[in-house]
Amino acid sequence: MTDITIVKAAIQDAEKLTEIMKITFDKEAKKWLSDQEDVTDYNIQPPGYSSKEMNLYMINHLNYFKILWNEEIVGGIIVTISGELYGRIDRIFIEPKSQGKGIGSTVITLIEKEFPNVRAWDLETSSRQISNHRFYEKMGYRTTFETEDEFCYIKRIATSNQQDNLIENENIANRQYENCNMSNTEGYQVNLQGSSFSNSNLMSSQVSNCNLSQSTFQNINFRNALFADLNLSKSEFIHVTLGGVRFSDTNLGDIEDSVSFERCNLEGGKMTNCNLKDVEITDSELKGMKINNIPIEELLEAYNQMKMKQSLNSPV
């Protein structure tokens, strides 16, 4: 008799879970992308799937459960819960040697029991992973959207906590709300395109899995906010105060489309274990700056002395 359980993952599980996730998703890539070497499919190999730091972030900030089979870690499931009624399965992975034993279906059932108030679960999977489609459909998920690369699924559950104030499938476009108490409001599959919010209290709001492209944020208090797992390519930050902000495990873009800093105050900043290849610093105040604990003034002085020596020794 096998015993399958899910337990909240802890920091000390990060290395093991990273190892299992990498093995699992690499095998999926070999299976479904073997003849498409130049194709990137983030549903098969999610961003940061082989990074211990990414797993640490998800353990710290998401609902990350390790999957135990006879008390041994064989995989993980990561979910995001929005408000009280809506959940999303971000990732589920089971080591290849433990697949095909009913673990996945048991884990889906266990996660639904873990969050009994959730009335709608959604997820995405690659259009290439046909076996995933059959699995999720068997578990009660139905397709809501599909493209050449991706299938989106939803599973609706009748819960004992159905809210009497649920407004569903209504057109409330082009309305204005002023001085209204909308605290603890939840929105799921809501179209807010073109909407505007001003002079409003959105403190402690949660925004996940939403399309905010081409949006504008002006005069906003983002103090103590968390920005994680975001695509900010081609965005622009102007007159932004970043005191105390910390960037970690962040990709600043390709060389041909890299990030640029202009007229920025980086005094007191620290860069550790960073890739600064091809970085250029011009017309900037470097006083007190150190590289590998060596003052930049000493490095520049040594460089200038070397250039002077080369100049004196060069033939006329």
Protein backbone atom coordinates (compact mmCIF):
# COMPACT_ATOMS: atom_id res chain seq x y z
CA MET A 1 0.00 0.00 0.00
CA THR A 2 1.52 3.28 -1.10
CA ASP A 3 1.12 6.52 0.84
CA ILE A 4 0.88 9.73 -1.23
CA THR A 5 0.81 13.04 0.66
CA ILE A 6 1.53 16.72 0.06
CA VAL A 7 3.39 18.84 2.61
CA LYS A 8 4.34 22.52 2.47
CA ALA A 9 7.86 22.74 1.07
CA ALA A 10 10.58 24.26 3.25
CA ILE A 11 13.79 26.10 2.40
CA GLN A 12 15.84 22.95 2.97
CA ASP A 13 13.81 21.17 0.24
CA ALA A 14 14.83 23.65 -2.48
CA GLU A 15 17.86 21.76 -3.76
CA LYS A 16 16.04 18.42 -4.00
CA LEU A 17 12.97 19.95 -5.64
CA THR A 18 15.14 21.85 -8.14
CA GLU A 19 16.88 18.61 -9.07
CA ILE A 20 13.59 16.77 -9.60
CA MET A 21 12.04 19.67 -11.54
CA LYS A 22 15.03 19.88 -13.89
CA ILE A 23 15.08 16.14 -14.56
CA THR A 24 11.31 16.07 -15.14
CA PHE A 25 11.05 19.07 -17.47
CA ASP A 26 14.22 18.17 -19.39
CA LYS A 27 12.75 14.75 -20.12
CA GLU A 28 9.51 16.38 -21.29
CA ALA A 29 11.50 18.66 -23.58
CA LYS A 30 13.38 15.69 -25.01
CA LYS A 31 10.07 13.92 -25.63
CA TRP A 32 8.07 16.77 -27.13
CA LEU A 33 10.77 19.05 -28.59
CA SER A 34 13.33 16.50 -29.78
CA ASP A 35 12.94 17.50 -33.43
CA GLN A 36 12.46 21.21 -32.72
CA GLU A 37 15.75 22.24 -31.17
CA ASP A 38 15.28 25.97 -31.82
CA VAL A 39 11.79 26.11 -30.24
CA THR A 40 11.31 27.61 -26.78
CA ASP A 41 8.22 26.34 -24.98
CA TYR A 42 7.84 27.82 -21.51
CA ASN A 43 5.02 25.43 -20.64
CA ILE A 44 7.42 22.51 -21.08
CA GLN A 45 10.46 24.22 -19.57
CA PRO A 46 9.14 27.11 -17.40
CA PRO A 47 11.40 30.11 -16.71
CA GLY A 48 13.87 29.32 -13.93
CA TYR A 49 12.88 25.65 -13.73
CA SER A 50 16.50 24.60 -13.17
CA SER A 51 17.29 27.43 -10.73
CA LYS A 52 17.49 26.80 -7.00
CA GLU A 53 16.93 30.53 -6.45
CA MET A 54 13.65 30.38 -8.39
CA ASN A 55 12.51 27.47 -6.24
CA LEU A 56 13.46 29.41 -3.10
CA TYR A 57 11.34 32.33 -4.30
CA MET A 58 8.36 30.07 -4.97
CA ILE A 59 8.73 28.34 -1.59
CA ASN A 60 8.82 31.72 0.15
CA HIS A 61 6.01 33.47 -1.74
CA LEU A 62 3.71 30.87 -3.31
CA ASN A 63 1.86 27.82 -2.06
CA TYR A 64 4.54 25.23 -2.80
CA PHE A 65 3.94 21.64 -1.71
CA LYS A 66 6.36 18.78 -1.97
CA ILE A 67 4.86 15.48 -3.08
CA LEU A 68 5.78 12.55 -0.84
CA TRP A 69 5.46 8.93 -1.90
CA ASN A 70 6.16 6.62 1.02
CA GLU A 71 7.75 9.63 2.75
CA GLU A 72 10.20 10.28 -0.11
CA ILE A 73 10.08 13.50 -2.16
CA VAL A 74 9.10 12.58 -5.72
CA GLY A 75 7.88 15.94 -7.01
CA GLY A 76 6.05 19.14 -6.25
CA ILE A 77 2.94 21.18 -6.96
CA ILE A 78 2.86 24.98 -6.87
CA VAL A 79 -0.40 26.91 -6.72
CA THR A 80 -1.48 30.54 -6.47
CA ILE A 81 -4.63 31.32 -4.51
CA SER A 82 -6.31 34.63 -5.38
CA GLY A 83 -8.66 35.89 -2.69
CA GLU A 84 -10.75 33.01 -1.39
CA LEU A 85 -12.46 31.46 -4.39
CA TYR A 86 -9.91 31.18 -7.19
CA GLY A 87 -6.83 29.04 -7.60
CA ARG A 88 -4.24 28.40 -10.24
CA ILE A 89 -1.94 25.42 -10.66
CA ASP A 90 1.34 27.05 -11.66
CA ARG A 91 3.44 23.89 -11.87
CA ILE A 92 3.12 20.21 -11.09
CA PHE A 93 6.01 17.81 -11.60
CA ILE A 94 6.73 14.21 -10.68
CA GLU A 95 10.07 12.55 -11.23
CA PRO A 96 10.00 10.33 -14.35
CA LYS A 97 10.58 7.04 -12.51
CA SER A 98 7.52 7.67 -10.31
CA GLN A 99 5.13 8.60 -13.11
CA GLY A 100 2.30 6.37 -14.27
CA LYS A 101 1.44 5.26 -10.72
CA GLY A 102 -1.57 7.50 -10.10
CA ILE A 103 0.42 10.05 -8.11
CA GLY A 104 -0.60 13.01 -10.27
CA SER A 105 -4.34 12.42 -10.00
CA THR A 106 -4.07 11.86 -6.24
CA VAL A 107 -2.14 15.10 -5.83
CA ILE A 108 -4.75 17.10 -7.79
CA THR A 109 -7.44 15.72 -5.47
CA LEU A 110 -5.33 16.49 -2.38
CA ILE A 111 -4.71 20.09 -3.45
CA GLU A 112 -8.43 20.62 -3.99
CA LYS A 113 -9.06 19.34 -0.46
CA GLU A 114 -6.31 21.61 0.87
CA PHE A 115 -8.23 24.65 -0.43
CA PRO A 116 -11.91 23.64 -0.10
CA ASN A 117 -13.22 27.19 -0.72
CA VAL A 118 -11.75 27.44 -4.22
CA ARG A 119 -14.55 27.26 -6.77
CA ALA A 120 -12.44 27.57 -9.93
CA TRP A 121 -9.01 26.14 -10.71
CA ASP A 122 -7.15 27.06 -13.90
CA LEU A 123 -3.86 26.14 -15.56
CA GLU A 124 -1.99 26.18 -18.85
CA THR A 125 -0.13 23.42 -20.61
CA SER A 126 1.72 23.09 -23.88
CA SER A 127 -0.28 22.21 -26.97
CA ARG A 128 2.47 19.69 -27.70
CA GLN A 129 1.95 17.66 -24.50
CA ILE A 130 -1.02 15.59 -25.66
CA SER A 131 -0.80 13.30 -22.64
CA ASN A 132 -1.32 16.32 -20.37
CA HIS A 133 -4.55 17.16 -22.19
CA ARG A 134 -5.96 13.69 -21.55
CA PHE A 135 -4.86 13.80 -17.91
CA TYR A 136 -6.44 17.16 -17.09
CA GLU A 137 -9.65 16.33 -18.93
CA LYS A 138 -9.87 13.11 -16.92
CA MET A 139 -9.52 15.23 -13.76
CA GLY A 140 -12.51 17.37 -14.75
CA TYR A 141 -10.75 20.27 -16.49
CA ARG A 142 -12.24 21.80 -19.62
CA THR A 143 -10.52 23.84 -22.33
CA THR A 144 -11.22 27.57 -22.22
CA PHE A 145 -8.69 28.79 -24.77
CA GLU A 146 -6.19 27.27 -27.13
CA THR A 147 -3.49 28.48 -29.49
CA GLU A 148 -0.86 26.79 -31.60
CA ASP A 149 1.43 26.68 -28.55
CA GLU A 150 -0.81 26.61 -25.48
CA PHE A 151 -4.00 25.13 -24.03
CA CYS A 152 -5.78 26.85 -21.12
CA TYR A 153 -7.98 24.79 -18.80
CA ILE A 154 -10.46 25.46 -16.02
CA LYS A 155 -12.21 23.26 -13.48
CA ARG A 156 -15.23 24.65 -11.66
CA ILE A 157 -16.18 23.13 -8.31
CA ALA A 158 -19.41 23.52 -6.36
CA THR A 159 -18.19 24.54 -2.91
CA SER A 160 -20.01 24.76 0.39
CA ASN A 161 -18.95 28.40 0.61
CA GLN A 162 -20.71 29.77 -2.47
CA GLN A 163 -21.11 33.49 -1.91
CA ASP A 164 -24.54 35.07 -2.17
CA ASN A 165 -23.00 38.30 -3.49
CA LEU A 166 -21.36 36.66 -6.50
CA ILE A 167 -21.93 38.67 -9.68
CA GLU A 168 -21.34 36.44 -12.69
CA ASN A 169 -21.59 36.88 -16.46
CA GLU A 170 -22.92 40.43 -16.29
CA ASN A 171 -22.01 43.37 -18.51
CA ILE A 172 -21.10 46.27 -16.22
CA ALA A 173 -18.90 48.11 -18.71
CA ASN A 174 -18.74 51.90 -18.94
CA ARG A 175 -19.79 52.49 -15.35
CA GLN A 176 -18.21 54.91 -12.91
CA TYR A 177 -17.71 54.20 -9.21
CA GLU A 178 -17.00 57.08 -6.85
CA ASN A 179 -16.46 56.96 -3.08
CA CYS A 180 -17.53 53.29 -3.00
CA ASN A 181 -16.37 50.66 -0.53
CA MET A 182 -15.09 47.77 -2.67
CA SER A 183 -12.67 46.29 -0.11
CA ASN A 184 -11.95 42.56 -0.41
CA THR A 185 -13.46 42.49 -3.90
CA GLU A 186 -12.35 39.52 -6.04
CA GLY A 187 -12.22 39.42 -9.81
CA TYR A 188 -11.70 36.35 -11.98
CA GLN A 189 -11.69 36.32 -15.79
CA VAL A 190 -12.77 39.96 -15.65
CA ASN A 191 -12.25 42.33 -18.58
CA LEU A 192 -10.93 45.66 -17.24
CA GLN A 193 -9.35 46.81 -20.49
CA GLY A 194 -9.20 50.60 -20.64
CA SER A 195 -10.29 51.00 -17.01
CA SER A 196 -8.76 53.65 -14.75
CA PHE A 197 -8.31 53.91 -11.00
CA SER A 198 -7.28 57.18 -9.38
CA ASN A 199 -7.08 58.56 -5.84
CA SER A 200 -8.06 55.09 -4.58
CA ASN A 201 -6.84 52.75 -1.86
CA LEU A 202 -5.56 49.52 -3.43
CA MET A 203 -3.34 48.60 -0.48
CA SER A 204 -2.61 44.87 -0.06
CA SER A 205 -4.16 44.06 -3.43
CA GLN A 206 -3.05 40.89 -5.22
CA VAL A 207 -2.64 40.83 -8.98
CA SER A 208 -1.57 37.55 -10.58
CA ASN A 209 -1.71 36.02 -14.05
CA CYS A 210 -3.09 39.25 -15.52
CA ASN A 211 -2.35 41.15 -18.72
CA LEU A 212 -1.18 44.67 -17.82
CA SER A 213 0.61 45.41 -21.08
CA GLN A 214 0.49 49.05 -22.23
CA SER A 215 -0.76 50.10 -18.77
CA THR A 216 0.32 53.31 -17.08
CA PHE A 217 1.26 53.63 -13.39
CA GLN A 218 1.75 57.21 -12.22
CA ASN A 219 2.07 58.71 -8.74
CA ILE A 220 1.65 55.29 -7.10
CA ASN A 221 2.79 54.19 -3.64
CA PHE A 222 4.36 50.75 -4.14
CA ARG A 223 6.08 50.68 -0.75
CA ASN A 224 6.79 47.15 0.54
CA ALA A 225 5.32 45.67 -2.66
CA LEU A 226 6.50 42.41 -4.23
CA PHE A 227 7.24 42.25 -7.96
CA ALA A 228 8.21 38.74 -9.00
CA ASP A 229 8.13 36.49 -12.06
CA LEU A 230 7.41 39.45 -14.33
CA ASN A 231 8.10 40.28 -17.96
CA LEU A 232 9.13 43.95 -18.01
CA SER A 233 10.84 43.96 -21.41
CA LYS A 234 10.81 47.34 -23.17
CA SER A 235 9.29 49.04 -20.11
CA GLU A 236 10.38 52.50 -19.02
CA PHE A 237 10.93 53.83 -15.49
CA ILE A 238 11.19 57.62 -15.08
CA HIS A 239 11.55 59.61 -11.83
CA VAL A 240 11.38 56.42 -9.75
CA THR A 241 12.65 56.18 -6.15
CA LEU A 242 14.27 52.79 -5.54
CA GLY A 243 15.63 53.30 -2.02
CA GLY A 244 15.98 49.92 -0.32
CA VAL A 245 14.86 48.00 -3.41
CA ARG A 246 16.55 44.65 -4.00
CA PHE A 247 16.95 42.95 -7.38
CA SER A 248 17.87 39.26 -7.39
CA ASP A 249 17.88 36.49 -10.01
CA THR A 250 16.97 39.08 -12.64
CA ASN A 251 17.68 39.03 -16.37
CA LEU A 252 18.41 42.47 -17.81
CA GLY A 253 17.81 41.42 -21.41
CA ASP A 254 19.80 40.48 -24.48
CA ILE A 255 22.83 42.49 -25.60
CA GLU A 256 20.98 43.94 -28.58
CA ASP A 257 18.06 45.00 -26.37
CA SER A 258 19.74 45.52 -23.03
CA VAL A 259 18.73 47.62 -20.06
CA SER A 260 20.19 51.12 -19.83
CA PHE A 261 20.60 53.36 -16.77
CA GLU A 262 20.79 57.11 -17.37
CA ARG A 263 21.13 59.82 -14.71
CA CYS A 264 20.51 57.26 -11.95
CA ASN A 265 21.77 57.49 -8.38
CA LEU A 266 23.23 54.07 -7.54
CA GLU A 267 25.22 55.29 -4.53
CA GLY A 268 25.77 52.52 -1.99
CA GLY A 269 24.45 49.84 -4.34
CA LYS A 270 25.94 46.35 -4.28
CA MET A 271 26.33 43.85 -7.11
CA THR A 272 27.29 40.31 -6.11
CA ASN A 273 27.64 37.24 -8.33
CA CYS A 274 26.40 39.24 -11.34
CA ASN A 275 27.17 38.93 -15.03
CA LEU A 276 28.45 42.37 -16.09
CA LYS A 277 29.90 41.27 -19.43
CA ASP A 278 30.06 44.11 -21.97
CA VAL A 279 28.74 46.65 -19.42
CA GLU A 280 29.79 50.23 -20.22
CA ILE A 281 30.09 53.03 -17.63
CA THR A 282 30.66 56.54 -18.98
CA ASP A 283 30.52 60.06 -17.55
CA SER A 284 29.65 58.70 -14.10
CA GLU A 285 30.80 59.44 -10.55
CA LEU A 286 32.91 56.45 -9.46
CA LYS A 287 34.33 57.72 -6.17
CA GLY A 288 34.36 54.95 -3.56
CA MET A 289 33.33 52.27 -6.10
CA LYS A 290 35.05 48.91 -5.61
CA ILE A 291 35.44 45.87 -7.86
CA ASN A 292 36.34 42.69 -5.98
CA ASN A 293 37.08 44.96 -3.00
CA ILE A 294 39.63 46.97 -5.01
CA PRO A 295 38.91 50.74 -5.17
CA ILE A 296 38.17 51.78 -8.74
CA GLU A 297 40.51 54.77 -8.33
CA GLU A 298 43.44 52.37 -7.84
CA LEU A 299 42.42 50.30 -10.85
CA LEU A 300 42.16 53.38 -13.07
CA GLU A 301 45.49 54.74 -11.77
CA ALA A 302 47.21 51.42 -12.49
CA TYR A 303 45.65 51.38 -15.97
CA ASN A 304 46.80 54.94 -16.72
CA GLN A 305 50.32 54.15 -15.52
CA MET A 306 50.40 51.07 -17.75
CA LYS A 307 49.23 53.12 -20.77
CA MET A 308 51.85 55.79 -20.02
CA LYS A 309 54.57 53.16 -19.76
CA GLN A 310 53.50 51.62 -23.06
CA SER A 311 53.54 55.04 -24.66
CA LEU A 312 57.08 55.79 -23.41
CA ASN A 313 58.37 52.40 -24.59
CA SER A 314 56.76 52.55 -28.02
CA PRO A 315 59.06 53.40 -30.96
CA VAL A 316 58.80 56.90 -32.33
